[in-house]
PDB file of N, CA and C in Angstrom:
ATOM      1  N   UNK A   1      82.801 -89.702  32.995  1.00  0.00           N
ATOM      2  CA  UNK A   1      82.825 -90.287  31.674  1.00  0.00           C
ATOM      3  C   UNK A   1      83.854 -91.419  31.674  1.00  0.00           C
ATOM      4  N   UNK A   2      83.482 -92.555  31.161  1.00  0.00           N
ATOM      5  CA  UNK A   2      84.384 -93.699  31.144  1.00  0.00           C
ATOM      6  C   UNK A   2      85.410 -93.550  30.020  1.00  0.00           C
ATOM      7  N   UNK A   3      86.484 -94.329  30.151  1.00  0.00           N
ATOM      8  CA  UNK A   3      87.569 -94.224  29.178  1.00  0.00           C
ATOM      9  C   UNK A   3      87.133 -94.601  27.762  1.00  0.00           C
ATOM     10  N   UNK A   4      86.421 -95.714  27.516  1.00  0.00           N
ATOM     11  CA  UNK A   4      86.014 -96.033  26.142  1.00  0.00           C
ATOM     12  C   UNK A   4      85.080 -94.968  25.545  1.00  0.00           C
ATOM     13  N   UNK A   5      84.192 -94.424  26.361  1.00  0.00           N
ATOM     14  CA  UNK A   5      83.273 -93.392  25.861  1.00  0.00           C
ATOM     15  C   UNK A   5      84.045 -92.122  25.503  1.00  0.00           C
ATOM     16  N   UNK A   6      84.988 -91.754  26.348  1.00  0.00           N
ATOM     17  CA  UNK A   6      85.805 -90.566  26.082  1.00  0.00           C
ATOM     18  C   UNK A   6      86.670 -90.781  24.841  1.00  0.00           C
ATOM     19  N   UNK A   7      87.220 -91.972  24.677  1.00  0.00           N
ATOM     20  CA  UNK A   7      88.014 -92.279  23.498  1.00  0.00           C
ATOM     21  C   UNK A   7      87.162 -92.200  22.233  1.00  0.00           C
ATOM     22  N   UNK A   8      85.947 -92.686  22.290  1.00  0.00           N
ATOM     23  CA  UNK A   8      85.034 -92.604  21.149  1.00  0.00           C
ATOM     24  C   UNK A   8      84.725 -91.144  20.811  1.00  0.00           C
ATOM     25  N   UNK A   9      84.503 -90.320  21.814  1.00  0.00           N
ATOM     26  CA  UNK A   9      84.221 -88.903  21.601  1.00  0.00           C
ATOM     27  C   UNK A   9      85.425 -88.203  20.973  1.00  0.00           C
ATOM     28  N   UNK A  10      86.613 -88.473  21.485  1.00  0.00           N
ATOM     29  CA  UNK A  10      87.811 -87.857  20.929  1.00  0.00           C
ATOM     30  C   UNK A  10      88.083 -88.321  19.497  1.00  0.00           C
ATOM     31  N   UNK A  11      87.810 -89.590  19.224  1.00  0.00           N
ATOM     32  CA  UNK A  11      87.986 -90.114  17.872  1.00  0.00           C
ATOM     33  C   UNK A  11      87.026 -89.444  16.903  1.00  0.00           C
ATOM     34  N   UNK A  12      85.770 -89.285  17.310  1.00  0.00           N
ATOM     35  CA  UNK A  12      84.786 -88.616  16.454  1.00  0.00           C
ATOM     36  C   UNK A  12      85.163 -87.156  16.231  1.00  0.00           C
ATOM     37  N   UNK A  13      85.615 -86.485  17.272  1.00  0.00           N
ATOM     38  CA  UNK A  13      86.030 -85.097  17.144  1.00  0.00           C
ATOM     39  C   UNK A  13      87.236 -84.968  16.211  1.00  0.00           C
ATOM     40  N   UNK A  14      88.197 -85.866  16.324  1.00  0.00           N
ATOM     41  CA  UNK A  14      89.365 -85.845  15.450  1.00  0.00           C
ATOM     42  C   UNK A  14      88.961 -86.081  13.993  1.00  0.00           C
ATOM     43  N   UNK A  15      87.997 -86.980  13.766  1.00  0.00           N
ATOM     44  CA  UNK A  15      87.525 -87.236  12.406  1.00  0.00           C
ATOM     45  C   UNK A  15      86.849 -86.002  11.821  1.00  0.00           C
ATOM     46  N   UNK A  16      86.025 -85.336  12.604  1.00  0.00           N
ATOM     47  CA  UNK A  16      85.340 -84.127  12.127  1.00  0.00           C
ATOM     48  C   UNK A  16      86.354 -83.033  11.809  1.00  0.00           C
ATOM     49  N   UNK A  17      87.333 -82.834  12.685  1.00  0.00           N
ATOM     50  CA  UNK A  17      88.358 -81.816  12.461  1.00  0.00           C
ATOM     51  C   UNK A  17      89.205 -82.169  11.227  1.00  0.00           C
ATOM     52  N   UNK A  18      89.524 -83.431  11.051  1.00  0.00           N
ATOM     53  CA  UNK A  18      90.296 -83.856   9.885  1.00  0.00           C
ATOM     54  C   UNK A  18      89.541 -83.638   8.585  1.00  0.00           C
ATOM     55  N   UNK A  19      88.263 -83.963   8.566  1.00  0.00           N
ATOM     56  CA  UNK A  19      87.438 -83.756   7.373  1.00  0.00           C
ATOM     57  C   UNK A  19      87.308 -82.262   7.078  1.00  0.00           C
ATOM     58  N   UNK A  20      87.098 -81.460   8.122  1.00  0.00           N
ATOM     59  CA  UNK A  20      86.992 -80.009   7.929  1.00  0.00           C
ATOM     60  C   UNK A  20      88.309 -79.432   7.411  1.00  0.00           C
ATOM     61  N   UNK A  21      89.427 -79.895   7.938  1.00  0.00           N
ATOM     62  CA  UNK A  21      90.731 -79.427   7.456  1.00  0.00           C
ATOM     63  C   UNK A  21      90.977 -79.815   6.004  1.00  0.00           C
ATOM     64  N   UNK A  22      90.608 -81.035   5.643  1.00  0.00           N
ATOM     65  CA  UNK A  22      90.747 -81.476   4.255  1.00  0.00           C
ATOM     66  C   UNK A  22      89.869 -80.675   3.314  1.00  0.00           C
ATOM     67  N   UNK A  23      88.643 -80.388   3.745  1.00  0.00           N
ATOM     68  CA  UNK A  23      87.739 -79.580   2.925  1.00  0.00           C
ATOM     69  C   UNK A  23      88.271 -78.157   2.769  1.00  0.00           C
ATOM     70  N   UNK A  24      88.811 -77.602   3.834  1.00  0.00           N
ATOM     71  CA  UNK A  24      89.377 -76.253   3.756  1.00  0.00           C
ATOM     72  C   UNK A  24      90.571 -76.222   2.806  1.00  0.00           C
ATOM     73  N   UNK A  25      91.424 -77.246   2.845  1.00  0.00           N
ATOM     74  CA  UNK A  25      92.573 -77.310   1.943  1.00  0.00           C
ATOM     75  C   UNK A  25      92.111 -77.433   0.492  1.00  0.00           C
ATOM     76  N   UNK A  26      91.086 -78.236   0.246  1.00  0.00           N
ATOM     77  CA  UNK A  26      90.531 -78.407  -1.100  1.00  0.00           C
ATOM     78  C   UNK A  26      90.017 -77.070  -1.637  1.00  0.00           C
ATOM     79  N   UNK A  27      89.270 -76.351  -0.807  1.00  0.00           N
ATOM     80  CA  UNK A  27      88.730 -75.058  -1.214  1.00  0.00           C
ATOM     81  C   UNK A  27      89.865 -74.072  -1.458  1.00  0.00           C
ATOM     82  N   UNK A  28      90.873 -74.057  -0.591  1.00  0.00           N
ATOM     83  CA  UNK A  28      91.991 -73.132  -0.745  1.00  0.00           C
ATOM     84  C   UNK A  28      92.746 -73.372  -2.051  1.00  0.00           C
ATOM     85  N   UNK A  29      93.011 -74.625  -2.391  1.00  0.00           N
ATOM     86  CA  UNK A  29      93.720 -74.931  -3.635  1.00  0.00           C
ATOM     87  C   UNK A  29      92.909 -74.455  -4.839  1.00  0.00           C
ATOM     88  N   UNK A  30      91.596 -74.651  -4.807  1.00  0.00           N
ATOM     89  CA  UNK A  30      90.779 -74.230  -5.937  1.00  0.00           C
ATOM     90  C   UNK A  30      90.635 -72.708  -6.004  1.00  0.00           C
ATOM     91  N   UNK A  31      90.635 -72.033  -4.868  1.00  0.00           N
ATOM     92  CA  UNK A  31      90.619 -70.570  -4.901  1.00  0.00           C
ATOM     93  C   UNK A  31      91.941 -70.023  -5.436  1.00  0.00           C
ATOM     94  N   UNK A  32      93.043 -70.656  -5.078  1.00  0.00           N
ATOM     95  CA  UNK A  32      94.345 -70.257  -5.632  1.00  0.00           C
ATOM     96  C   UNK A  32      94.339 -70.459  -7.147  1.00  0.00           C
ATOM     97  N   UNK A  33      93.778 -71.568  -7.605  1.00  0.00           N
ATOM     98  CA  UNK A  33      93.691 -71.817  -9.045  1.00  0.00           C
ATOM     99  C   UNK A  33      92.819 -70.762  -9.728  1.00  0.00           C
ATOM    100  N   UNK A  34      91.703 -70.403  -9.114  1.00  0.00           N
ATOM    101  CA  UNK A  34      90.821 -69.388  -9.697  1.00  0.00           C
ATOM    102  C   UNK A  34      91.537 -68.046  -9.810  1.00  0.00           C
ATOM    103  N   UNK A  35      92.193 -67.617  -8.739  1.00  0.00           N
ATOM    104  CA  UNK A  35      92.898 -66.336  -8.769  1.00  0.00           C
ATOM    105  C   UNK A  35      94.079 -66.364  -9.743  1.00  0.00           C
ATOM    106  N   UNK A  36      94.763 -67.492  -9.853  1.00  0.00           N
ATOM    107  CA  UNK A  36      95.863 -67.618 -10.806  1.00  0.00           C
ATOM    108  C   UNK A  36      95.349 -67.515 -12.227  1.00  0.00           C
ATOM    109  N   UNK A  37      94.251 -68.201 -12.514  1.00  0.00           N
ATOM    110  CA  UNK A  37      93.665 -68.126 -13.849  1.00  0.00           C
ATOM    111  C   UNK A  37      93.207 -66.713 -14.173  1.00  0.00           C
ATOM    112  N   UNK A  38      92.586 -66.037 -13.212  1.00  0.00           N
ATOM    113  CA  UNK A  38      92.116 -64.674 -13.460  1.00  0.00           C
ATOM    114  C   UNK A  38      93.280 -63.703 -13.659  1.00  0.00           C
ATOM    115  N   UNK A  39      94.296 -63.795 -12.810  1.00  0.00           N
ATOM    116  CA  UNK A  39      95.394 -62.826 -12.855  1.00  0.00           C
ATOM    117  C   UNK A  39      96.314 -63.024 -14.054  1.00  0.00           C
ATOM    118  N   UNK A  40      96.634 -64.263 -14.386  1.00  0.00           N
ATOM    119  CA  UNK A  40      97.629 -64.510 -15.418  1.00  0.00           C
ATOM    120  C   UNK A  40      97.047 -64.872 -16.782  1.00  0.00           C
ATOM    121  N   UNK A  41      95.904 -65.534 -16.813  1.00  0.00           N
ATOM    122  CA  UNK A  41      95.370 -66.018 -18.079  1.00  0.00           C
ATOM    123  C   UNK A  41      94.062 -65.343 -18.478  1.00  0.00           C
ATOM    124  N   UNK A  42      93.528 -64.469 -17.622  1.00  0.00           N
ATOM    125  CA  UNK A  42      92.303 -63.709 -17.897  1.00  0.00           C
ATOM    126  C   UNK A  42      91.141 -64.628 -18.272  1.00  0.00           C
ATOM    127  N   UNK A  43      90.977 -65.677 -17.490  1.00  0.00           N
ATOM    128  CA  UNK A  43      89.871 -66.616 -17.690  1.00  0.00           C
ATOM    129  C   UNK A  43      89.429 -67.128 -16.328  1.00  0.00           C
ATOM    130  N   UNK A  44      88.253 -67.728 -16.315  1.00  0.00           N
ATOM    131  CA  UNK A  44      87.733 -68.307 -15.085  1.00  0.00           C
ATOM    132  C   UNK A  44      87.914 -69.814 -15.168  1.00  0.00           C
ATOM    133  N   UNK A  45      88.563 -70.384 -14.177  1.00  0.00           N
ATOM    134  CA  UNK A  45      88.783 -71.817 -14.154  1.00  0.00           C
ATOM    135  C   UNK A  45      89.194 -72.270 -12.764  1.00  0.00           C
ATOM    136  N   UNK A  46      88.749 -73.458 -12.381  1.00  0.00           N
ATOM    137  CA  UNK A  46      89.037 -74.001 -11.047  1.00  0.00           C
ATOM    138  C   UNK A  46      90.203 -74.973 -11.063  1.00  0.00           C
ATOM    139  N   UNK A  47      90.753 -75.264 -12.249  1.00  0.00           N
ATOM    140  CA  UNK A  47      91.856 -76.206 -12.364  1.00  0.00           C
ATOM    141  C   UNK A  47      93.172 -75.432 -12.360  1.00  0.00           C
ATOM    142  N   UNK A  48      94.170 -75.947 -11.621  1.00  0.00           N
ATOM    143  CA  UNK A  48      95.473 -75.281 -11.584  1.00  0.00           C
ATOM    144  C   UNK A  48      96.087 -75.276 -12.980  1.00  0.00           C
ATOM    145  N   UNK A  49      96.475 -74.099 -13.476  1.00  0.00           N
ATOM    146  CA  UNK A  49      96.997 -74.029 -14.841  1.00  0.00           C
ATOM    147  C   UNK A  49      98.471 -74.409 -14.914  1.00  0.00           C
ATOM    148  N   UNK A  50      98.875 -74.745 -16.110  1.00  0.00           N
ATOM    149  CA  UNK A  50     100.287 -74.969 -16.384  1.00  0.00           C
ATOM    150  C   UNK A  50     100.877 -73.645 -16.875  1.00  0.00           C
ATOM    151  N   UNK A  51     102.045 -73.305 -16.386  1.00  0.00           N
ATOM    152  CA  UNK A  51     102.663 -72.046 -16.773  1.00  0.00           C
ATOM    153  C   UNK A  51     103.563 -72.178 -17.996  1.00  0.00           C
ATOM    154  N   UNK A  52     103.544 -73.323 -18.656  1.00  0.00           N
ATOM    155  CA  UNK A  52     104.408 -73.508 -19.817  1.00  0.00           C
ATOM    156  C   UNK A  52     103.966 -72.638 -20.989  1.00  0.00           C
ATOM    157  N   UNK A  53     102.678 -72.305 -21.068  1.00  0.00           N
ATOM    158  CA  UNK A  53     102.170 -71.497 -22.175  1.00  0.00           C
ATOM    159  C   UNK A  53     101.908 -70.053 -21.767  1.00  0.00           C
ATOM    160  N   UNK A  54     102.434 -69.643 -20.642  1.00  0.00           N
ATOM    161  CA  UNK A  54     102.218 -68.277 -20.177  1.00  0.00           C
ATOM    162  C   UNK A  54     103.077 -67.318 -20.997  1.00  0.00           C
ATOM    163  N   UNK A  55     102.411 -66.352 -21.581  1.00  0.00           N
ATOM    164  CA  UNK A  55     103.126 -65.333 -22.350  1.00  0.00           C
ATOM    165  C   UNK A  55     103.768 -64.368 -21.361  1.00  0.00           C
ATOM    166  N   UNK A  56     105.067 -64.306 -21.366  1.00  0.00           N
ATOM    167  CA  UNK A  56     105.780 -63.461 -20.412  1.00  0.00           C
ATOM    168  C   UNK A  56     105.781 -62.025 -20.914  1.00  0.00           C
ATOM    169  N   UNK A  57     105.027 -61.215 -20.241  1.00  0.00           N
ATOM    170  CA  UNK A  57     104.923 -59.810 -20.608  1.00  0.00           C
ATOM    171  C   UNK A  57     105.187 -58.960 -19.367  1.00  0.00           C
ATOM    172  N   UNK A  58     105.376 -57.661 -19.556  1.00  0.00           N
ATOM    173  CA  UNK A  58     105.559 -56.795 -18.388  1.00  0.00           C
ATOM    174  C   UNK A  58     104.364 -56.836 -17.440  1.00  0.00           C
ATOM    175  N   UNK A  59     103.160 -57.068 -17.965  1.00  0.00           N
ATOM    176  CA  UNK A  59     101.974 -57.142 -17.114  1.00  0.00           C
ATOM    177  C   UNK A  59     102.073 -58.317 -16.149  1.00  0.00           C
ATOM    178  N   UNK A  60     102.564 -59.442 -16.612  1.00  0.00           N
ATOM    179  CA  UNK A  60     102.710 -60.620 -15.752  1.00  0.00           C
ATOM    180  C   UNK A  60     103.693 -60.319 -14.624  1.00  0.00           C
ATOM    181  N   UNK A  61     104.776 -59.670 -14.958  1.00  0.00           N
ATOM    182  CA  UNK A  61     105.765 -59.322 -13.942  1.00  0.00           C
ATOM    183  C   UNK A  61     105.173 -58.330 -12.942  1.00  0.00           C
ATOM    184  N   UNK A  62     104.422 -57.356 -13.426  1.00  0.00           N
ATOM    185  CA  UNK A  62     103.810 -56.369 -12.543  1.00  0.00           C
ATOM    186  C   UNK A  62     102.790 -56.999 -11.601  1.00  0.00           C
ATOM    187  N   UNK A  63     102.006 -57.948 -12.091  1.00  0.00           N
ATOM    188  CA  UNK A  63     101.030 -58.630 -11.231  1.00  0.00           C
ATOM    189  C   UNK A  63     101.753 -59.394 -10.131  1.00  0.00           C
ATOM    190  N   UNK A  64     102.831 -60.093 -10.472  1.00  0.00           N
ATOM    191  CA  UNK A  64     103.590 -60.843  -9.465  1.00  0.00           C
ATOM    192  C   UNK A  64     104.222 -59.900  -8.445  1.00  0.00           C
ATOM    193  N   UNK A  65     104.777 -58.795  -8.906  1.00  0.00           N
ATOM    194  CA  UNK A  65     105.402 -57.828  -7.995  1.00  0.00           C
ATOM    195  C   UNK A  65     104.349 -57.190  -7.092  1.00  0.00           C
ATOM    196  N   UNK A  66     103.210 -56.826  -7.664  1.00  0.00           N
ATOM    197  CA  UNK A  66     102.141 -56.221  -6.862  1.00  0.00           C
ATOM    198  C   UNK A  66     101.660 -57.183  -5.782  1.00  0.00           C
ATOM    199  N   UNK A  67     101.501 -58.449  -6.134  1.00  0.00           N
ATOM    200  CA  UNK A  67     101.093 -59.438  -5.135  1.00  0.00           C
ATOM    201  C   UNK A  67     102.123 -59.576  -4.028  1.00  0.00           C
ATOM    202  N   UNK A  68     103.388 -59.600  -4.389  1.00  0.00           N
ATOM    203  CA  UNK A  68     104.442 -59.682  -3.381  1.00  0.00           C
ATOM    204  C   UNK A  68     104.479 -58.463  -2.477  1.00  0.00           C
ATOM    205  N   UNK A  69     104.268 -57.280  -3.050  1.00  0.00           N
ATOM    206  CA  UNK A  69     104.254 -56.059  -2.246  1.00  0.00           C
ATOM    207  C   UNK A  69     103.075 -56.034  -1.283  1.00  0.00           C
ATOM    208  N   UNK A  70     101.918 -56.495  -1.745  1.00  0.00           N
ATOM    209  CA  UNK A  70     100.732 -56.527  -0.873  1.00  0.00           C
ATOM    210  C   UNK A  70     100.962 -57.478   0.301  1.00  0.00           C
ATOM    211  N   UNK A  71     101.462 -58.675   0.016  1.00  0.00           N
ATOM    212  CA  UNK A  71     101.715 -59.641   1.087  1.00  0.00           C
ATOM    213  C   UNK A  71     102.812 -59.137   2.017  1.00  0.00           C
ATOM    214  N   UNK A  72     103.850 -58.529   1.453  1.00  0.00           N
ATOM    215  CA  UNK A  72     104.917 -57.983   2.284  1.00  0.00           C
ATOM    216  C   UNK A  72     104.436 -56.862   3.191  1.00  0.00           C
ATOM    217  N   UNK A  73     103.586 -55.981   2.654  1.00  0.00           N
ATOM    218  CA  UNK A  73     103.035 -54.887   3.468  1.00  0.00           C
ATOM    219  C   UNK A  73     102.144 -55.433   4.575  1.00  0.00           C
ATOM    220  N   UNK A  74     101.339 -56.431   4.240  1.00  0.00           N
ATOM    221  CA  UNK A  74     100.476 -57.030   5.257  1.00  0.00           C
ATOM    222  C   UNK A  74     101.315 -57.690   6.349  1.00  0.00           C
ATOM    223  N   UNK A  75     102.380 -58.354   5.967  1.00  0.00           N
ATOM    224  CA  UNK A  75     103.216 -59.028   6.962  1.00  0.00           C
ATOM    225  C   UNK A  75     103.960 -58.038   7.843  1.00  0.00           C
ATOM    226  N   UNK A  76     104.291 -56.872   7.301  1.00  0.00           N
ATOM    227  CA  UNK A  76     105.061 -55.905   8.076  1.00  0.00           C
ATOM    228  C   UNK A  76     104.170 -55.045   8.976  1.00  0.00           C
ATOM    229  N   UNK A  77     103.025 -54.583   8.450  1.00  0.00           N
ATOM    230  CA  UNK A  77     102.248 -53.585   9.189  1.00  0.00           C
ATOM    231  C   UNK A  77     100.945 -54.088   9.796  1.00  0.00           C
ATOM    232  N   UNK A  78     100.527 -55.292   9.503  1.00  0.00           N
ATOM    233  CA  UNK A  78      99.300 -55.815  10.104  1.00  0.00           C
ATOM    234  C   UNK A  78      99.679 -56.618  11.344  1.00  0.00           C
ATOM    235  N   UNK A  79      99.394 -56.100  12.529  1.00  0.00           N
ATOM    236  CA  UNK A  79      99.842 -56.791  13.744  1.00  0.00           C
ATOM    237  C   UNK A  79      99.149 -58.138  13.960  1.00  0.00           C
ATOM    238  N   UNK A  80      98.000 -58.334  13.360  1.00  0.00           N
ATOM    239  CA  UNK A  80      97.272 -59.577  13.609  1.00  0.00           C
ATOM    240  C   UNK A  80      97.954 -60.783  12.960  1.00  0.00           C
ATOM    241  N   UNK A  81      98.723 -60.567  11.886  1.00  0.00           N
ATOM    242  CA  UNK A  81      99.364 -61.713  11.240  1.00  0.00           C
ATOM    243  C   UNK A  81     100.845 -61.810  11.549  1.00  0.00           C
ATOM    244  N   UNK A  82     101.324 -61.011  12.467  1.00  0.00           N
ATOM    245  CA  UNK A  82     102.729 -61.105  12.864  1.00  0.00           C
ATOM    246  C   UNK A  82     102.963 -62.374  13.659  1.00  0.00           C
ATOM    247  N   UNK A  83     104.173 -62.836  13.636  1.00  0.00           N
ATOM    248  CA  UNK A  83     104.494 -63.991  14.463  1.00  0.00           C
ATOM    249  C   UNK A  83     105.086 -65.115  13.665  1.00  0.00           C
ATOM    250  N   UNK A  84     104.634 -66.313  13.965  1.00  0.00           N
ATOM    251  CA  UNK A  84     105.203 -67.513  13.363  1.00  0.00           C
ATOM    252  C   UNK A  84     104.524 -67.815  12.039  1.00  0.00           C
ATOM    253  N   UNK A  85     105.066 -68.765  11.335  1.00  0.00           N
ATOM    254  CA  UNK A  85     104.471 -69.198  10.079  1.00  0.00           C
ATOM    255  C   UNK A  85     105.085 -68.484   8.890  1.00  0.00           C
ATOM    256  N   UNK A  86     104.372 -68.505   7.791  1.00  0.00           N
ATOM    257  CA  UNK A  86     104.867 -67.929   6.541  1.00  0.00           C
ATOM    258  C   UNK A  86     105.101 -66.427   6.663  1.00  0.00           C
ATOM    259  N   UNK A  87     104.160 -65.629   7.228  1.00  0.00           N
ATOM    260  CA  UNK A  87     104.455 -64.194   7.334  1.00  0.00           C
ATOM    261  C   UNK A  87     105.683 -63.899   8.186  1.00  0.00           C
ATOM    262  N   UNK A  88     105.880 -64.663   9.232  1.00  0.00           N
ATOM    263  CA  UNK A  88     107.057 -64.461  10.070  1.00  0.00           C
ATOM    264  C   UNK A  88     108.338 -64.813   9.328  1.00  0.00           C
ATOM    265  N   UNK A  89     108.295 -65.847   8.506  1.00  0.00           N
ATOM    266  CA  UNK A  89     109.468 -66.234   7.740  1.00  0.00           C
ATOM    267  C   UNK A  89     109.776 -65.234   6.630  1.00  0.00           C
ATOM    268  N   UNK A  90     108.731 -64.654   6.059  1.00  0.00           N
ATOM    269  CA  UNK A  90     108.943 -63.663   4.998  1.00  0.00           C
ATOM    270  C   UNK A  90     109.541 -62.413   5.589  1.00  0.00           C
TER     271      UNK A  90
END
């Protein structure tokens, strides 16, 4: 394979990976918004909510604590996510 052809192939592959990564990030942000809306505001919505109008109740605190405990348990006892990154830092 010649150098210009290989460079073209690598450039196309990098573009595909970049587009896929951007699409995955877009989907992740909207899923976070959906779960935030469901957990805290009891509504369905794809837009990230503002927390300025969040009624602070014991239920809100319990949902946040439960989420933290679930992530903490997964980081401690699930061997597949051990290591570097956010679970390792937590």
